Amino acid sequence: MRKITSILLPLAGVLYPFVVYFGMDRVPPPMFALVLGAIWLIRAPSLLKQPGGRWMLTAALVYCALLALSGEAVLLRWYPSLISALLLCAFGLSLRYGPPIVERIARVREPDLPDAAIPYTRKVTWVWVGFFVFNGAVSAVLTLWAPLAWWTLYNGLLVYFIMGTLFIGEWLLRRRLRGTA
């Protein structure tokens, strides 16, 4: 069950732009809010154990409540910007209060992470901070001034190509720095 719930929220995030695109005229915003809120609540037990999980969950549920109470369909398009803002805060705060998120991820795979790798993980965390600023801004601009199709294309497809490029680029750089390339 834990594995299913850990997949549910990211999967909902990936599918969200397409669900909005195809369902915005057919499904009332309060229904979107109910489903999205339920998914966040299902993930709540694991989120509450993570640093920053409590405020992330709170912000997402406040968004869902606002969407449900207002019934404004335009709010549906702000969800990707909200997620970028939450991740920006999580990554940014990890740089201030440590350890950086990328270091935490690296230590899961390599618990005895060499001291020399720590500045590198900090730099990679900064790269992700920059990505979340960029992504949140692009998503917000598309929400405010672009047709729904453009918003869907960016948030449902292009952003994942950008993220994939970042992941692959970082992996190649790390292999090169370690001398395994």
C-alpha atoms as a PDB file:
ATOM      1  CA  MET A   1       0.000   0.000   0.000  1.00  0.00           C
ATOM      2  CA  ARG A   2       2.860   2.392   0.845  1.00  0.00           C
ATOM      3  CA  LYS A   3       4.364   1.861  -2.606  1.00  0.00           C
ATOM      4  CA  ILE A   4       1.052   2.654  -4.287  1.00  0.00           C
ATOM      5  CA  THR A   5       0.613   5.856  -2.298  1.00  0.00           C
ATOM      6  CA  SER A   6       4.178   6.958  -3.033  1.00  0.00           C
ATOM      7  CA  ILE A   7       3.418   6.614  -6.752  1.00  0.00           C
ATOM      8  CA  LEU A   8      -0.067   8.163  -6.643  1.00  0.00           C
ATOM      9  CA  LEU A   9       0.867  11.815  -6.019  1.00  0.00           C
ATOM     10  CA  PRO A  10       3.675  12.006  -8.608  1.00  0.00           C
ATOM     11  CA  LEU A  11       1.477  10.193 -11.149  1.00  0.00           C
ATOM     12  CA  ALA A  12      -1.350  12.630 -10.446  1.00  0.00           C
ATOM     13  CA  GLY A  13       1.124  15.469 -10.989  1.00  0.00           C
ATOM     14  CA  VAL A  14       2.246  14.072 -14.342  1.00  0.00           C
ATOM     15  CA  LEU A  15      -1.308  13.490 -15.553  1.00  0.00           C
ATOM     16  CA  TYR A  16      -2.745  16.665 -14.029  1.00  0.00           C
ATOM     17  CA  PRO A  17      -2.259  19.000 -17.037  1.00  0.00           C
ATOM     18  CA  PHE A  18      -4.005  16.517 -19.342  1.00  0.00           C
ATOM     19  CA  VAL A  19      -6.837  15.936 -16.878  1.00  0.00           C
ATOM     20  CA  VAL A  20      -7.323  19.707 -16.669  1.00  0.00           C
ATOM     21  CA  TYR A  21      -7.156  20.079 -20.466  1.00  0.00           C
ATOM     22  CA  PHE A  22      -9.718  17.372 -21.151  1.00  0.00           C
ATOM     23  CA  GLY A  23     -11.842  17.829 -18.041  1.00  0.00           C
ATOM     24  CA  MET A  24     -11.904  21.565 -17.372  1.00  0.00           C
ATOM     25  CA  ASP A  25     -15.209  22.032 -19.247  1.00  0.00           C
ATOM     26  CA  ARG A  26     -16.736  18.759 -18.018  1.00  0.00           C
ATOM     27  CA  VAL A  27     -15.759  18.456 -14.346  1.00  0.00           C
ATOM     28  CA  PRO A  28     -16.499  21.191 -11.813  1.00  0.00           C
ATOM     29  CA  PRO A  29     -13.466  22.617  -9.948  1.00  0.00           C
ATOM     30  CA  PRO A  30     -14.726  21.399  -6.554  1.00  0.00           C
ATOM     31  CA  MET A  31     -14.510  17.824  -7.873  1.00  0.00           C
ATOM     32  CA  PHE A  32     -10.904  18.415  -8.955  1.00  0.00           C
ATOM     33  CA  ALA A  33     -10.242  19.817  -5.479  1.00  0.00           C
ATOM     34  CA  LEU A  34     -11.803  16.803  -3.792  1.00  0.00           C
ATOM     35  CA  VAL A  35      -9.743  14.284  -5.780  1.00  0.00           C
ATOM     36  CA  LEU A  36      -6.517  16.270  -5.462  1.00  0.00           C
ATOM     37  CA  GLY A  37      -7.087  16.814  -1.740  1.00  0.00           C
ATOM     38  CA  ALA A  38      -7.775  13.101  -1.244  1.00  0.00           C
ATOM     39  CA  ILE A  39      -4.518  12.196  -2.989  1.00  0.00           C
ATOM     40  CA  TRP A  40      -2.582  14.609  -0.753  1.00  0.00           C
ATOM     41  CA  LEU A  41      -4.299  13.203   2.338  1.00  0.00           C
ATOM     42  CA  ILE A  42      -3.421   9.642   1.302  1.00  0.00           C
ATOM     43  CA  ARG A  43       0.223  10.743   1.107  1.00  0.00           C
ATOM     44  CA  ALA A  44      -0.011  12.714   4.366  1.00  0.00           C
ATOM     45  CA  PRO A  45       1.448  10.049   6.708  1.00  0.00           C
ATOM     46  CA  SER A  46       4.670   9.794   4.695  1.00  0.00           C
ATOM     47  CA  LEU A  47       4.838  13.539   4.005  1.00  0.00           C
ATOM     48  CA  LEU A  48       4.559  14.359   7.696  1.00  0.00           C
ATOM     49  CA  LYS A  49       7.727  12.334   8.339  1.00  0.00           C
ATOM     50  CA  GLN A  50       9.747  14.346   5.809  1.00  0.00           C
ATOM     51  CA  PRO A  51      11.415  17.701   6.473  1.00  0.00           C
ATOM     52  CA  GLY A  52       9.033  20.412   5.299  1.00  0.00           C
ATOM     53  CA  GLY A  53       6.297  17.879   4.630  1.00  0.00           C
ATOM     54  CA  ARG A  54       3.871  19.484   7.075  1.00  0.00           C
ATOM     55  CA  TRP A  55       3.915  22.914   5.422  1.00  0.00           C
ATOM     56  CA  MET A  56       3.898  21.333   1.951  1.00  0.00           C
ATOM     57  CA  LEU A  57       0.794  19.333   2.839  1.00  0.00           C
ATOM     58  CA  THR A  58      -0.820  22.381   4.431  1.00  0.00           C
ATOM     59  CA  ALA A  59      -0.194  24.579   1.375  1.00  0.00           C
ATOM     60  CA  ALA A  60      -1.574  21.928  -0.988  1.00  0.00           C
ATOM     61  CA  LEU A  61      -4.691  21.410   1.129  1.00  0.00           C
ATOM     62  CA  VAL A  62      -5.256  25.179   1.403  1.00  0.00           C
ATOM     63  CA  TYR A  63      -5.041  25.323  -2.413  1.00  0.00           C
ATOM     64  CA  CYS A  64      -7.576  22.480  -2.672  1.00  0.00           C
ATOM     65  CA  ALA A  65      -9.912  24.222  -0.216  1.00  0.00           C
ATOM     66  CA  LEU A  66      -9.624  27.494  -2.129  1.00  0.00           C
ATOM     67  CA  LEU A  67     -10.361  25.683  -5.384  1.00  0.00           C
ATOM     68  CA  ALA A  68     -13.345  23.877  -3.846  1.00  0.00           C
ATOM     69  CA  LEU A  69     -14.835  26.946  -2.202  1.00  0.00           C
ATOM     70  CA  SER A  70     -14.294  29.374  -5.071  1.00  0.00           C
ATOM     71  CA  GLY A  71     -15.270  27.008  -7.863  1.00  0.00           C
ATOM     72  CA  GLU A  72     -13.014  29.070 -10.155  1.00  0.00           C
ATOM     73  CA  ALA A  73     -11.722  26.945 -13.040  1.00  0.00           C
ATOM     74  CA  VAL A  74      -8.807  29.344 -13.628  1.00  0.00           C
ATOM     75  CA  LEU A  75      -7.301  28.190 -10.323  1.00  0.00           C
ATOM     76  CA  LEU A  76      -6.808  24.729 -11.832  1.00  0.00           C
ATOM     77  CA  ARG A  77      -3.979  26.113 -13.947  1.00  0.00           C
ATOM     78  CA  TRP A  78      -2.064  27.423 -10.910  1.00  0.00           C
ATOM     79  CA  TYR A  79      -1.333  23.964  -9.472  1.00  0.00           C
ATOM     80  CA  PRO A  80       1.986  23.420 -11.349  1.00  0.00           C
ATOM     81  CA  SER A  81       3.200  26.839 -10.183  1.00  0.00           C
ATOM     82  CA  LEU A  82       2.250  25.912  -6.625  1.00  0.00           C
ATOM     83  CA  ILE A  83       4.176  22.645  -6.827  1.00  0.00           C
ATOM     84  CA  SER A  84       7.226  24.468  -8.222  1.00  0.00           C
ATOM     85  CA  ALA A  85       6.994  27.018  -5.411  1.00  0.00           C
ATOM     86  CA  LEU A  86       6.759  24.260  -2.788  1.00  0.00           C
ATOM     87  CA  LEU A  87       9.734  22.404  -4.241  1.00  0.00           C
ATOM     88  CA  LEU A  88      11.675  25.665  -4.551  1.00  0.00           C
ATOM     89  CA  CYS A  89      11.089  26.286  -0.853  1.00  0.00           C
ATOM     90  CA  ALA A  90      12.054  22.724   0.087  1.00  0.00           C
ATOM     91  CA  PHE A  91      15.279  22.780  -1.940  1.00  0.00           C
ATOM     92  CA  GLY A  92      16.115  26.346  -0.950  1.00  0.00           C
ATOM     93  CA  LEU A  93      15.515  25.790   2.758  1.00  0.00           C
ATOM     94  CA  SER A  94      17.625  22.639   2.623  1.00  0.00           C
ATOM     95  CA  LEU A  95      20.516  24.816   1.443  1.00  0.00           C
ATOM     96  CA  ARG A  96      20.077  27.086   4.427  1.00  0.00           C
ATOM     97  CA  TYR A  97      19.333  24.540   7.137  1.00  0.00           C
ATOM     98  CA  GLY A  98      21.038  21.499   5.567  1.00  0.00           C
ATOM     99  CA  PRO A  99      21.803  19.025   4.514  1.00  0.00           C
ATOM    100  CA  PRO A 100      20.913  19.924   0.918  1.00  0.00           C
ATOM    101  CA  ILE A 101      18.232  17.702  -0.619  1.00  0.00           C
ATOM    102  CA  VAL A 102      20.582  16.330  -3.273  1.00  0.00           C
ATOM    103  CA  GLU A 103      22.991  15.264  -0.512  1.00  0.00           C
ATOM    104  CA  ARG A 104      20.138  13.491   1.295  1.00  0.00           C
ATOM    105  CA  ILE A 105      19.230  11.659  -1.912  1.00  0.00           C
ATOM    106  CA  ALA A 106      22.883  10.761  -2.539  1.00  0.00           C
ATOM    107  CA  ARG A 107      23.248   9.384   1.002  1.00  0.00           C
ATOM    108  CA  VAL A 108      20.343   6.993   0.451  1.00  0.00           C
ATOM    109  CA  ARG A 109      22.364   5.327  -2.270  1.00  0.00           C
ATOM    110  CA  GLU A 110      25.783   5.930  -0.730  1.00  0.00           C
ATOM    111  CA  PRO A 111      25.545   6.359   3.088  1.00  0.00           C
ATOM    112  CA  ASP A 112      29.297   7.017   3.441  1.00  0.00           C
ATOM    113  CA  LEU A 113      29.298   9.857   0.939  1.00  0.00           C
ATOM    114  CA  PRO A 114      32.849  11.236   0.632  1.00  0.00           C
ATOM    115  CA  ASP A 115      33.383  14.722   2.083  1.00  0.00           C
ATOM    116  CA  ALA A 116      34.587  15.873  -1.344  1.00  0.00           C
ATOM    117  CA  ALA A 117      31.118  15.133  -2.789  1.00  0.00           C
ATOM    118  CA  ILE A 118      29.246  17.443  -0.417  1.00  0.00           C
ATOM    119  CA  PRO A 119      30.072  20.746  -2.205  1.00  0.00           C
ATOM    120  CA  TYR A 120      29.004  19.070  -5.464  1.00  0.00           C
ATOM    121  CA  THR A 121      25.617  18.041  -4.011  1.00  0.00           C
ATOM    122  CA  ARG A 122      25.171  21.610  -2.803  1.00  0.00           C
ATOM    123  CA  LYS A 123      25.802  22.949  -6.342  1.00  0.00           C
ATOM    124  CA  VAL A 124      23.365  20.456  -7.834  1.00  0.00           C
ATOM    125  CA  THR A 125      20.745  21.517  -5.290  1.00  0.00           C
ATOM    126  CA  TRP A 126      21.303  25.125  -6.470  1.00  0.00           C
ATOM    127  CA  VAL A 127      20.727  23.989 -10.058  1.00  0.00           C
ATOM    128  CA  TRP A 128      17.384  22.532  -9.002  1.00  0.00           C
ATOM    129  CA  VAL A 129      16.519  25.757  -7.162  1.00  0.00           C
ATOM    130  CA  GLY A 130      17.131  27.589 -10.446  1.00  0.00           C
ATOM    131  CA  PHE A 131      15.001  25.062 -12.311  1.00  0.00           C
ATOM    132  CA  PHE A 132      12.071  25.523  -9.903  1.00  0.00           C
ATOM    133  CA  VAL A 133      12.294  29.315 -10.257  1.00  0.00           C
ATOM    134  CA  PHE A 134      12.307  28.972 -14.054  1.00  0.00           C
ATOM    135  CA  ASN A 135       9.551  26.356 -14.119  1.00  0.00           C
ATOM    136  CA  GLY A 136       7.291  28.241 -11.728  1.00  0.00           C
ATOM    137  CA  ALA A 137       7.723  31.448 -13.722  1.00  0.00           C
ATOM    138  CA  VAL A 138       7.055  29.793 -17.088  1.00  0.00           C
ATOM    139  CA  SER A 139       4.022  27.989 -15.721  1.00  0.00           C
ATOM    140  CA  ALA A 140       2.682  31.222 -14.199  1.00  0.00           C
ATOM    141  CA  VAL A 141       3.200  33.162 -17.440  1.00  0.00           C
ATOM    142  CA  LEU A 142       1.401  30.432 -19.378  1.00  0.00           C
ATOM    143  CA  THR A 143      -1.401  30.428 -16.810  1.00  0.00           C
ATOM    144  CA  LEU A 144      -1.868  34.177 -17.119  1.00  0.00           C
ATOM    145  CA  TRP A 145      -1.420  34.775 -20.854  1.00  0.00           C
ATOM    146  CA  ALA A 146      -1.364  31.594 -22.905  1.00  0.00           C
ATOM    147  CA  PRO A 147      -4.080  29.345 -24.287  1.00  0.00           C
ATOM    148  CA  LEU A 148      -4.847  26.195 -22.310  1.00  0.00           C
ATOM    149  CA  ALA A 149      -3.227  24.065 -25.039  1.00  0.00           C
ATOM    150  CA  TRP A 150       0.151  25.814 -24.577  1.00  0.00           C
ATOM    151  CA  TRP A 151      -0.110  25.499 -20.800  1.00  0.00           C
ATOM    152  CA  THR A 152      -0.851  21.781 -21.186  1.00  0.00           C
ATOM    153  CA  LEU A 153       1.989  21.246 -23.652  1.00  0.00           C
ATOM    154  CA  TYR A 154       4.515  22.868 -21.331  1.00  0.00           C
ATOM    155  CA  ASN A 155       3.297  21.454 -18.000  1.00  0.00           C
ATOM    156  CA  GLY A 156       2.396  18.037 -19.337  1.00  0.00           C
ATOM    157  CA  LEU A 157       5.304  17.368 -21.682  1.00  0.00           C
ATOM    158  CA  LEU A 158       8.040  19.969 -22.178  1.00  0.00           C
ATOM    159  CA  VAL A 159       8.840  20.367 -18.481  1.00  0.00           C
ATOM    160  CA  TYR A 160       9.574  16.628 -18.272  1.00  0.00           C
ATOM    161  CA  PHE A 161      12.017  16.867 -21.176  1.00  0.00           C
ATOM    162  CA  ILE A 162      13.763  19.721 -19.365  1.00  0.00           C
ATOM    163  CA  MET A 163      13.880  17.721 -16.132  1.00  0.00           C
ATOM    164  CA  GLY A 164      15.134  14.665 -18.005  1.00  0.00           C
ATOM    165  CA  THR A 165      17.884  16.752 -19.573  1.00  0.00           C
ATOM    166  CA  LEU A 166      18.897  17.989 -16.114  1.00  0.00           C
ATOM    167  CA  PHE A 167      18.947  14.449 -14.696  1.00  0.00           C
ATOM    168  CA  ILE A 168      20.934  13.020 -17.612  1.00  0.00           C
ATOM    169  CA  GLY A 169      23.320  15.985 -17.708  1.00  0.00           C
ATOM    170  CA  GLU A 170      24.015  15.720 -13.993  1.00  0.00           C
ATOM    171  CA  TRP A 171      24.505  11.939 -14.219  1.00  0.00           C
ATOM    172  CA  LEU A 172      26.992  12.340 -17.088  1.00  0.00           C
ATOM    173  CA  LEU A 173      28.852  15.103 -15.242  1.00  0.00           C
ATOM    174  CA  ARG A 174      28.995  13.013 -12.049  1.00  0.00           C
ATOM    175  CA  ARG A 175      30.371  10.023 -13.976  1.00  0.00           C
ATOM    176  CA  ARG A 176      32.979  12.264 -15.586  1.00  0.00           C
ATOM    177  CA  LEU A 177      34.000  13.791 -12.256  1.00  0.00           C
ATOM    178  CA  ARG A 178      34.292  10.347 -10.695  1.00  0.00           C
ATOM    179  CA  GLY A 179      36.305   9.104 -13.644  1.00  0.00           C
ATOM    180  CA  THR A 180      33.805   6.388 -14.557  1.00  0.00           C
ATOM    181  CA  ALA A 181      32.788   7.814 -17.921  1.00  0.00           C
END
